[in-house]
Amino acid sequence: MNQSDVKLDTLGYFCPMPIIMTSKKIKELAVGQVLEVISDDEGIKKDMPAWCQTTGHHMVGLEEEGQADKRVFKAFVKKAK
């Protein structure tokens, strides 16, 4: 189980909004803090690692919860710079 310092709820938003909201929110964090992004957009499984690779932040982990029709994803991103 991953730990986070700050949570960002993006439930109900679909690509590219979770990434845009993540980009805005991570600017508020200190280097080394972990942001937990909660999303029901399955696209986050590919989009978040790609965004981390592009921006230089670290993808700490990804968790999935719930059933297929109500699946929730939790992406953990560590601010690197």
Protein backbone atom coordinates (compact mmCIF):
# COMPACT_ATOMS: atom_id res chain seq x y z
CA MET A 1 0.00 0.00 0.00
CA ASN A 2 1.36 3.36 -1.05
CA GLN A 3 1.45 6.44 1.20
CA SER A 4 0.65 9.98 0.13
CA ASP A 5 1.01 13.48 1.52
CA VAL A 6 -1.79 15.06 -0.53
CA LYS A 7 -4.84 13.62 -2.32
CA LEU A 8 -6.41 14.87 -5.53
CA ASP A 9 -9.92 13.66 -6.40
CA THR A 10 -10.51 13.59 -10.16
CA LEU A 11 -13.50 11.24 -10.09
CA GLY A 12 -15.88 11.96 -12.95
CA TYR A 13 -13.23 13.62 -15.10
CA PHE A 14 -11.78 11.99 -18.18
CA CYS A 15 -8.64 12.47 -20.23
CA PRO A 16 -6.98 14.93 -20.29
CA MET A 17 -8.50 16.52 -17.15
CA PRO A 18 -6.88 14.21 -14.53
CA ILE A 19 -3.46 14.97 -16.00
CA ILE A 20 -4.16 18.71 -16.22
CA MET A 21 -5.39 18.72 -12.60
CA THR A 22 -2.32 16.71 -11.53
CA SER A 23 0.02 19.14 -13.27
CA LYS A 24 -1.58 22.07 -11.48
CA LYS A 25 -1.74 20.39 -8.05
CA ILE A 26 1.83 19.05 -8.00
CA LYS A 27 3.12 22.62 -8.29
CA GLU A 28 1.76 23.22 -4.76
CA LEU A 29 3.82 20.35 -3.27
CA ALA A 30 7.38 20.38 -1.94
CA VAL A 31 10.03 18.22 -3.60
CA GLY A 32 9.76 14.67 -2.26
CA GLN A 33 6.08 14.84 -1.36
CA VAL A 34 3.73 12.25 -2.86
CA LEU A 35 0.48 13.15 -4.57
CA GLU A 36 -2.29 10.56 -4.70
CA VAL A 37 -4.53 11.04 -7.74
CA ILE A 38 -7.89 9.29 -7.47
CA SER A 39 -9.57 8.66 -10.81
CA ASP A 40 -12.23 6.52 -12.45
CA ASP A 41 -10.70 7.08 -15.90
CA GLU A 42 -8.93 3.87 -16.95
CA GLY A 43 -6.74 5.96 -19.24
CA ILE A 44 -4.81 7.09 -16.20
CA LYS A 45 -2.98 3.73 -16.23
CA LYS A 46 -1.12 4.82 -19.37
CA ASP A 47 -1.39 8.60 -19.15
CA MET A 48 0.12 9.08 -15.68
CA PRO A 49 3.35 7.08 -16.27
CA ALA A 50 3.78 8.90 -19.60
CA TRP A 51 3.24 12.28 -17.93
CA CYS A 52 5.74 11.40 -15.18
CA GLN A 53 8.33 10.37 -17.74
CA THR A 54 7.81 13.60 -19.67
CA THR A 55 7.90 15.90 -16.63
CA GLY A 56 10.59 14.10 -14.60
CA HIS A 57 8.39 13.24 -11.62
CA HIS A 58 8.43 9.70 -10.22
CA MET A 59 5.51 7.29 -10.59
CA VAL A 60 5.54 5.55 -7.21
CA GLY A 61 2.67 3.17 -7.85
CA LEU A 62 -0.82 2.51 -9.15
CA GLU A 63 -3.60 0.77 -7.27
CA GLU A 64 -6.99 -0.42 -8.54
CA GLU A 65 -10.06 -0.92 -6.40
CA GLY A 66 -13.66 -1.93 -7.03
CA GLN A 67 -15.58 -3.84 -9.65
CA ALA A 68 -15.31 -3.42 -13.42
CA ASP A 69 -18.29 -1.02 -13.60
CA LYS A 70 -17.11 1.10 -10.64
CA ARG A 71 -13.34 0.78 -10.76
CA VAL A 72 -11.24 3.44 -9.03
CA PHE A 73 -7.55 4.01 -9.75
CA LYS A 74 -5.08 5.59 -7.35
CA ALA A 75 -1.90 6.90 -8.93
CA PHE A 76 0.96 7.93 -6.63
CA VAL A 77 3.34 10.56 -7.97
CA LYS A 78 6.42 11.82 -6.13
CA LYS A 79 7.44 15.39 -6.93
CA ALA A 80 11.03 15.33 -8.16
CA LYS A 81 11.80 18.97 -8.88
